[in-house]
Amino acid sequence: MSAPSTPQAREAIYAALAEAEGPLTAVQIRMAFKKKVRPGIATVYRAVNAGVRNGLLKEVPQGDGTMRFEPADRGTCEP
């Protein structure tokens, strides 16, 4: 099995965020996938940026300057 195409990856990334217990960084999102089907980090960033632009995801800034992401319809959970 190969890594999913961009539309499939985007849907899988949104699903991974919906299943997560709290906001995740782009690297954490990528690592949530099995190695054989893991999207590239650029694909993850494109997907979360598109999700933020489209109102599906929201950014959750962290005190250390990193950004985490979660579904826009979820109340922010601190990790």
PDB file of N, CA and C in Angstrom:
ATOM      1  N   MET A   1       0.853  -1.183   0.000  1.00  0.00           N
ATOM      2  CA  MET A   1       0.000   0.000   0.000  1.00  0.00           C
ATOM      3  C   MET A   1       0.889   1.233   0.000  1.00  0.00           C
ATOM      4  N   SER A   2       0.566   2.218  -0.813  1.00  0.00           N
ATOM      5  CA  SER A   2       1.374   3.427  -0.898  1.00  0.00           C
ATOM      6  C   SER A   2       0.704   4.559  -0.135  1.00  0.00           C
ATOM      7  N   ALA A   3       1.432   5.654  -0.010  1.00  0.00           N
ATOM      8  CA  ALA A   3       0.881   6.823   0.666  1.00  0.00           C
ATOM      9  C   ALA A   3      -0.317   7.329  -0.123  1.00  0.00           C
ATOM     10  N   PRO A   4      -1.337   7.845   0.565  1.00  0.00           N
ATOM     11  CA  PRO A   4      -2.537   8.300  -0.121  1.00  0.00           C
ATOM     12  C   PRO A   4      -2.282   9.535  -0.967  1.00  0.00           C
ATOM     13  N   SER A   5      -3.111   9.733  -2.008  1.00  0.00           N
ATOM     14  CA  SER A   5      -3.019  10.939  -2.826  1.00  0.00           C
ATOM     15  C   SER A   5      -3.442  12.134  -1.982  1.00  0.00           C
ATOM     16  N   THR A   6      -3.224  13.322  -2.493  1.00  0.00           N
ATOM     17  CA  THR A   6      -3.496  14.519  -1.709  1.00  0.00           C
ATOM     18  C   THR A   6      -4.944  14.609  -1.216  1.00  0.00           C
ATOM     19  N   PRO A   7      -5.983  14.419  -2.069  1.00  0.00           N
ATOM     20  CA  PRO A   7      -7.351  14.484  -1.521  1.00  0.00           C
ATOM     21  C   PRO A   7      -7.609  13.395  -0.480  1.00  0.00           C
ATOM     22  N   GLN A   8      -7.101  12.193  -0.730  1.00  0.00           N
ATOM     23  CA  GLN A   8      -7.268  11.117   0.250  1.00  0.00           C
ATOM     24  C   GLN A   8      -6.483  11.425   1.516  1.00  0.00           C
ATOM     25  N   ALA A   9      -5.293  11.962   1.353  1.00  0.00           N
ATOM     26  CA  ALA A   9      -4.470  12.317   2.517  1.00  0.00           C
ATOM     27  C   ALA A   9      -5.154  13.391   3.337  1.00  0.00           C
ATOM     28  N   ARG A  10      -5.724  14.385   2.666  1.00  0.00           N
ATOM     29  CA  ARG A  10      -6.405  15.468   3.382  1.00  0.00           C
ATOM     30  C   ARG A  10      -7.540  14.909   4.228  1.00  0.00           C
ATOM     31  N   GLU A  11      -8.343  14.040   3.656  1.00  0.00           N
ATOM     32  CA  GLU A  11      -9.444  13.431   4.408  1.00  0.00           C
ATOM     33  C   GLU A  11      -8.921  12.598   5.576  1.00  0.00           C
ATOM     34  N   ALA A  12      -7.848  11.863   5.350  1.00  0.00           N
ATOM     35  CA  ALA A  12      -7.265  11.030   6.402  1.00  0.00           C
ATOM     36  C   ALA A  12      -6.678  11.904   7.515  1.00  0.00           C
ATOM     37  N   ILE A  13      -6.077  13.018   7.145  1.00  0.00           N
ATOM     38  CA  ILE A  13      -5.504  13.940   8.131  1.00  0.00           C
ATOM     39  C   ILE A  13      -6.619  14.555   8.972  1.00  0.00           C
ATOM     40  N   TYR A  14      -7.705  14.986   8.334  1.00  0.00           N
ATOM     41  CA  TYR A  14      -8.831  15.546   9.078  1.00  0.00           C
ATOM     42  C   TYR A  14      -9.426  14.493  10.017  1.00  0.00           C
ATOM     43  N   ALA A  15      -9.504  13.246   9.546  1.00  0.00           N
ATOM     44  CA  ALA A  15     -10.031  12.166  10.387  1.00  0.00           C
ATOM     45  C   ALA A  15      -9.115  11.912  11.578  1.00  0.00           C
ATOM     46  N   ALA A  16      -7.799  11.942  11.345  1.00  0.00           N
ATOM     47  CA  ALA A  16      -6.840  11.734  12.444  1.00  0.00           C
ATOM     48  C   ALA A  16      -6.987  12.824  13.498  1.00  0.00           C
ATOM     49  N   LEU A  17      -7.183  14.057  13.065  1.00  0.00           N
ATOM     50  CA  LEU A  17      -7.376  15.154  14.018  1.00  0.00           C
ATOM     51  C   LEU A  17      -8.690  15.001  14.771  1.00  0.00           C
ATOM     52  N   ALA A  18      -9.730  14.538  14.086  1.00  0.00           N
ATOM     53  CA  ALA A  18     -11.025  14.348  14.747  1.00  0.00           C
ATOM     54  C   ALA A  18     -10.944  13.262  15.819  1.00  0.00           C
ATOM     55  N   GLU A  19     -10.099  12.261  15.598  1.00  0.00           N
ATOM     56  CA  GLU A  19      -9.958  11.153  16.546  1.00  0.00           C
ATOM     57  C   GLU A  19      -8.988  11.462  17.687  1.00  0.00           C
ATOM     58  N   ALA A  20      -8.148  12.467  17.502  1.00  0.00           N
ATOM     59  CA  ALA A  20      -7.141  12.793  18.518  1.00  0.00           C
ATOM     60  C   ALA A  20      -7.811  13.349  19.774  1.00  0.00           C
ATOM     61  N   GLU A  21      -7.174  13.127  20.899  1.00  0.00           N
ATOM     62  CA  GLU A  21      -7.719  13.614  22.169  1.00  0.00           C
ATOM     63  C   GLU A  21      -7.506  15.103  22.372  1.00  0.00           C
ATOM     64  N   GLY A  22      -6.620  15.696  21.599  1.00  0.00           N
ATOM     65  CA  GLY A  22      -6.340  17.125  21.710  1.00  0.00           C
ATOM     66  C   GLY A  22      -5.637  17.606  20.462  1.00  0.00           C
ATOM     67  N   PRO A  23      -5.250  18.871  20.426  1.00  0.00           N
ATOM     68  CA  PRO A  23      -4.571  19.425  19.261  1.00  0.00           C
ATOM     69  C   PRO A  23      -3.237  18.725  19.000  1.00  0.00           C
ATOM     70  N   LEU A  24      -2.865  18.614  17.717  1.00  0.00           N
ATOM     71  CA  LEU A  24      -1.620  17.964  17.316  1.00  0.00           C
ATOM     72  C   LEU A  24      -0.787  18.889  16.445  1.00  0.00           C
ATOM     73  N   THR A  25       0.527  18.741  16.517  1.00  0.00           N
ATOM     74  CA  THR A  25       1.412  19.438  15.597  1.00  0.00           C
ATOM     75  C   THR A  25       1.396  18.698  14.265  1.00  0.00           C
ATOM     76  N   ALA A  26       1.936  19.322  13.231  1.00  0.00           N
ATOM     77  CA  ALA A  26       2.015  18.675  11.919  1.00  0.00           C
ATOM     78  C   ALA A  26       2.825  17.380  11.997  1.00  0.00           C
ATOM     79  N   VAL A  27       3.905  17.389  12.749  1.00  0.00           N
ATOM     80  CA  VAL A  27       4.724  16.179  12.886  1.00  0.00           C
ATOM     81  C   VAL A  27       3.938  15.083  13.605  1.00  0.00           C
ATOM     82  N   GLN A  28       3.203  15.426  14.644  1.00  0.00           N
ATOM     83  CA  GLN A  28       2.391  14.437  15.348  1.00  0.00           C
ATOM     84  C   GLN A  28       1.305  13.867  14.441  1.00  0.00           C
ATOM     85  N   ILE A  29       0.727  14.717  13.601  1.00  0.00           N
ATOM     86  CA  ILE A  29      -0.284  14.236  12.654  1.00  0.00           C
ATOM     87  C   ILE A  29       0.356  13.216  11.726  1.00  0.00           C
ATOM     88  N   ARG A  30       1.497  13.554  11.163  1.00  0.00           N
ATOM     89  CA  ARG A  30       2.195  12.655  10.232  1.00  0.00           C
ATOM     90  C   ARG A  30       2.527  11.327  10.893  1.00  0.00           C
ATOM     91  N   MET A  31       2.991  11.367  12.124  1.00  0.00           N
ATOM     92  CA  MET A  31       3.403  10.155  12.826  1.00  0.00           C
ATOM     93  C   MET A  31       2.207   9.290  13.240  1.00  0.00           C
ATOM     94  N   ALA A  32       1.001   9.834  13.174  1.00  0.00           N
ATOM     95  CA  ALA A  32      -0.199   9.063  13.523  1.00  0.00           C
ATOM     96  C   ALA A  32      -0.514   7.993  12.477  1.00  0.00           C
ATOM     97  N   PHE A  33       0.126   8.091  11.308  1.00  0.00           N
ATOM     98  CA  PHE A  33      -0.108   7.138  10.226  1.00  0.00           C
ATOM     99  C   PHE A  33       0.934   6.035  10.259  1.00  0.00           C
ATOM    100  N   LYS A  34       0.545   4.847   9.800  1.00  0.00           N
ATOM    101  CA  LYS A  34       1.505   3.758   9.659  1.00  0.00           C
ATOM    102  C   LYS A  34       2.546   4.161   8.633  1.00  0.00           C
ATOM    103  N   LYS A  35       3.745   3.673   8.812  1.00  0.00           N
ATOM    104  CA  LYS A  35       4.862   4.095   7.970  1.00  0.00           C
ATOM    105  C   LYS A  35       4.587   3.939   6.474  1.00  0.00           C
ATOM    106  N   LYS A  36       3.956   2.850   6.057  1.00  0.00           N
ATOM    107  CA  LYS A  36       3.726   2.613   4.630  1.00  0.00           C
ATOM    108  C   LYS A  36       2.707   3.567   4.019  1.00  0.00           C
ATOM    109  N   VAL A  37       1.844   4.119   4.813  1.00  0.00           N
ATOM    110  CA  VAL A  37       0.822   5.020   4.281  1.00  0.00           C
ATOM    111  C   VAL A  37       0.963   6.439   4.827  1.00  0.00           C
ATOM    112  N   ARG A  38       2.089   6.753   5.392  1.00  0.00           N
ATOM    113  CA  ARG A  38       2.320   8.054   6.015  1.00  0.00           C
ATOM    114  C   ARG A  38       2.484   9.138   4.945  1.00  0.00           C
ATOM    115  N   PRO A  39       1.677  10.205   5.008  1.00  0.00           N
ATOM    116  CA  PRO A  39       1.852  11.290   4.045  1.00  0.00           C
ATOM    117  C   PRO A  39       3.130  12.064   4.356  1.00  0.00           C
ATOM    118  N   GLY A  40       3.662  12.716   3.352  1.00  0.00           N
ATOM    119  CA  GLY A  40       4.843  13.553   3.555  1.00  0.00           C
ATOM    120  C   GLY A  40       4.489  14.767   4.404  1.00  0.00           C
ATOM    121  N   ILE A  41       5.489  15.355   5.035  1.00  0.00           N
ATOM    122  CA  ILE A  41       5.239  16.506   5.909  1.00  0.00           C
ATOM    123  C   ILE A  41       4.676  17.686   5.121  1.00  0.00           C
ATOM    124  N   ALA A  42       5.101  17.859   3.860  1.00  0.00           N
ATOM    125  CA  ALA A  42       4.552  18.948   3.038  1.00  0.00           C
ATOM    126  C   ALA A  42       3.061  18.734   2.793  1.00  0.00           C
ATOM    127  N   THR A  43       2.666  17.494   2.580  1.00  0.00           N
ATOM    128  CA  THR A  43       1.241  17.179   2.389  1.00  0.00           C
ATOM    129  C   THR A  43       0.453  17.508   3.647  1.00  0.00           C
ATOM    130  N   VAL A  44       1.017  17.191   4.809  1.00  0.00           N
ATOM    131  CA  VAL A  44       0.343  17.499   6.075  1.00  0.00           C
ATOM    132  C   VAL A  44       0.170  19.009   6.215  1.00  0.00           C
ATOM    133  N   TYR A  45       1.240  19.770   5.965  1.00  0.00           N
ATOM    134  CA  TYR A  45       1.140  21.232   6.082  1.00  0.00           C
ATOM    135  C   TYR A  45       0.136  21.808   5.086  1.00  0.00           C
ATOM    136  N   ARG A  46       0.134  21.315   3.852  1.00  0.00           N
ATOM    137  CA  ARG A  46      -0.844  21.800   2.868  1.00  0.00           C
ATOM    138  C   ARG A  46      -2.265  21.495   3.333  1.00  0.00           C
ATOM    139  N   ALA A  47      -2.470  20.303   3.858  1.00  0.00           N
ATOM    140  CA  ALA A  47      -3.815  19.904   4.311  1.00  0.00           C
ATOM    141  C   ALA A  47      -4.277  20.739   5.495  1.00  0.00           C
ATOM    142  N   VAL A  48      -3.423  20.948   6.486  1.00  0.00           N
ATOM    143  CA  VAL A  48      -3.870  21.720   7.657  1.00  0.00           C
ATOM    144  C   VAL A  48      -4.055  23.190   7.290  1.00  0.00           C
ATOM    145  N   ASN A  49      -3.204  23.723   6.412  1.00  0.00           N
ATOM    146  CA  ASN A  49      -3.386  25.112   5.984  1.00  0.00           C
ATOM    147  C   ASN A  49      -4.683  25.280   5.212  1.00  0.00           C
ATOM    148  N   ALA A  50      -5.007  24.315   4.338  1.00  0.00           N
ATOM    149  CA  ALA A  50      -6.281  24.359   3.608  1.00  0.00           C
ATOM    150  C   ALA A  50      -7.447  24.236   4.583  1.00  0.00           C
ATOM    151  N   GLY A  51      -7.315  23.365   5.569  1.00  0.00           N
ATOM    152  CA  GLY A  51      -8.371  23.197   6.564  1.00  0.00           C
ATOM    153  C   GLY A  51      -8.614  24.458   7.367  1.00  0.00           C
ATOM    154  N   VAL A  52      -7.543  25.159   7.725  1.00  0.00           N
ATOM    155  CA  VAL A  52      -7.668  26.418   8.465  1.00  0.00           C
ATOM    156  C   VAL A  52      -8.334  27.470   7.573  1.00  0.00           C
ATOM    157  N   ARG A  53      -7.873  27.583   6.320  1.00  0.00           N
ATOM    158  CA  ARG A  53      -8.458  28.561   5.386  1.00  0.00           C
ATOM    159  C   ARG A  53      -9.946  28.305   5.145  1.00  0.00           C
ATOM    160  N   ASN A  54     -10.328  27.043   5.101  1.00  0.00           N
ATOM    161  CA  ASN A  54     -11.714  26.675   4.825  1.00  0.00           C
ATOM    162  C   ASN A  54     -12.589  26.584   6.071  1.00  0.00           C
ATOM    163  N   GLY A  55     -12.018  26.867   7.226  1.00  0.00           N
ATOM    164  CA  GLY A  55     -12.790  26.861   8.459  1.00  0.00           C
ATOM    165  C   GLY A  55     -13.055  25.488   9.052  1.00  0.00           C
ATOM    166  N   LEU A  56     -12.380  24.450   8.532  1.00  0.00           N
ATOM    167  CA  LEU A  56     -12.557  23.097   9.062  1.00  0.00           C
ATOM    168  C   LEU A  56     -11.663  22.833  10.265  1.00  0.00           C
ATOM    169  N   LEU A  57     -10.510  23.491  10.296  1.00  0.00           N
ATOM    170  CA  LEU A  57      -9.546  23.321  11.381  1.00  0.00           C
ATOM    171  C   LEU A  57      -9.238  24.677  11.987  1.00  0.00           C
ATOM    172  N   LYS A  58      -8.721  24.634  13.208  1.00  0.00           N
ATOM    173  CA  LYS A  58      -8.242  25.879  13.818  1.00  0.00           C
ATOM    174  C   LYS A  58      -6.847  25.659  14.358  1.00  0.00           C
ATOM    175  N   GLU A  59      -6.102  26.748  14.398  1.00  0.00           N
ATOM    176  CA  GLU A  59      -4.753  26.726  14.952  1.00  0.00           C
ATOM    177  C   GLU A  59      -4.828  26.936  16.450  1.00  0.00           C
ATOM    178  N   VAL A  60      -3.982  26.213  17.177  1.00  0.00           N
ATOM    179  CA  VAL A  60      -3.899  26.350  18.620  1.00  0.00           C
ATOM    180  C   VAL A  60      -2.433  26.667  18.941  1.00  0.00           C
ATOM    181  N   PRO A  61      -2.107  27.959  19.134  1.00  0.00           N
ATOM    182  CA  PRO A  61      -0.719  28.326  19.397  1.00  0.00           C
ATOM    183  C   PRO A  61      -0.255  27.802  20.753  1.00  0.00           C
ATOM    184  N   GLN A  62       0.995  27.384  20.791  1.00  0.00           N
ATOM    185  CA  GLN A  62       1.599  26.898  22.033  1.00  0.00           C
ATOM    186  C   GLN A  62       2.580  27.945  22.536  1.00  0.00           C
ATOM    187  N   GLY A  63       2.884  27.928  23.784  1.00  0.00           N
ATOM    188  CA  GLY A  63       3.773  28.906  24.386  1.00  0.00           C
ATOM    189  C   GLY A  63       5.192  28.866  23.856  1.00  0.00           C
ATOM    190  N   ASP A  64       5.589  27.751  23.258  1.00  0.00           N
ATOM    191  CA  ASP A  64       6.959  27.619  22.756  1.00  0.00           C
ATOM    192  C   ASP A  64       7.094  28.033  21.297  1.00  0.00           C
ATOM    193  N   GLY A  65       6.041  28.614  20.721  1.00  0.00           N
ATOM    194  CA  GLY A  65       6.094  29.070  19.342  1.00  0.00           C
ATOM    195  C   GLY A  65       5.607  28.058  18.321  1.00  0.00           C
ATOM    196  N   THR A  66       5.325  26.829  18.748  1.00  0.00           N
ATOM    197  CA  THR A  66       4.798  25.840  17.810  1.00  0.00           C
ATOM    198  C   THR A  66       3.288  26.015  17.668  1.00  0.00           C
ATOM    199  N   MET A  67       2.772  25.457  16.605  1.00  0.00           N
ATOM    200  CA  MET A  67       1.343  25.533  16.338  1.00  0.00           C
ATOM    201  C   MET A  67       0.782  24.119  16.321  1.00  0.00           C
ATOM    202  N   ARG A  68      -0.347  23.949  16.956  1.00  0.00           N
ATOM    203  CA  ARG A  68      -1.076  22.681  16.903  1.00  0.00           C
ATOM    204  C   ARG A  68      -2.386  22.952  16.188  1.00  0.00           C
ATOM    205  N   PHE A  69      -3.014  21.884  15.732  1.00  0.00           N
ATOM    206  CA  PHE A  69      -4.251  22.006  14.958  1.00  0.00           C
ATOM    207  C   PHE A  69      -5.296  21.072  15.523  1.00  0.00           C
ATOM    208  N   GLU A  70      -6.570  21.481  15.402  1.00  0.00           N
ATOM    209  CA  GLU A  70      -7.685  20.646  15.819  1.00  0.00           C
ATOM    210  C   GLU A  70      -8.910  21.032  14.994  1.00  0.00           C
ATOM    211  N   PRO A  71      -9.925  20.173  14.985  1.00  0.00           N
ATOM    212  CA  PRO A  71     -11.151  20.513  14.264  1.00  0.00           C
ATOM    213  C   PRO A  71     -11.743  21.818  14.793  1.00  0.00           C
ATOM    214  N   ALA A  72     -12.271  22.639  13.917  1.00  0.00           N
ATOM    215  CA  ALA A  72     -12.803  23.939  14.303  1.00  0.00           C
ATOM    216  C   ALA A  72     -14.011  23.830  15.222  1.00  0.00           C
ATOM    217  N   ASP A  73     -14.716  22.699  15.147  1.00  0.00           N
ATOM    218  CA  ASP A  73     -15.918  22.553  15.974  1.00  0.00           C
ATOM    219  C   ASP A  73     -15.639  21.985  17.358  1.00  0.00           C
ATOM    220  N   ARG A  74     -14.374  21.833  17.707  1.00  0.00           N
ATOM    221  CA  ARG A  74     -14.009  21.293  19.011  1.00  0.00           C
ATOM    222  C   ARG A  74     -13.507  22.423  19.903  1.00  0.00           C
ATOM    223  N   GLY A  75     -13.872  22.366  21.178  1.00  0.00           N
ATOM    224  CA  GLY A  75     -13.313  23.309  22.131  1.00  0.00           C
ATOM    225  C   GLY A  75     -11.843  22.976  22.332  1.00  0.00           C
ATOM    226  N   THR A  76     -11.021  23.983  22.493  1.00  0.00           N
ATOM    227  CA  THR A  76      -9.593  23.768  22.623  1.00  0.00           C
ATOM    228  C   THR A  76      -9.271  22.973  23.881  1.00  0.00           C
ATOM    229  N   CYS A  77      -8.507  21.910  23.693  1.00  0.00           N
ATOM    230  CA  CYS A  77      -8.028  21.092  24.797  1.00  0.00           C
ATOM    231  C   CYS A  77      -6.530  21.344  24.927  1.00  0.00           C
ATOM    232  N   GLU A  78      -6.078  21.627  26.085  1.00  0.00           N
ATOM    233  CA  GLU A  78      -4.641  21.797  26.276  1.00  0.00           C
ATOM    234  C   GLU A  78      -3.999  20.414  26.374  1.00  0.00           C
ATOM    235  N   PRO A  79      -2.876  20.205  25.669  1.00  0.00           N
ATOM    236  CA  PRO A  79      -2.199  18.879  25.730  1.00  0.00           C
ATOM    237  C   PRO A  79      -1.609  18.583  27.073  1.00  0.00           C
TER     238      PRO A  79
END
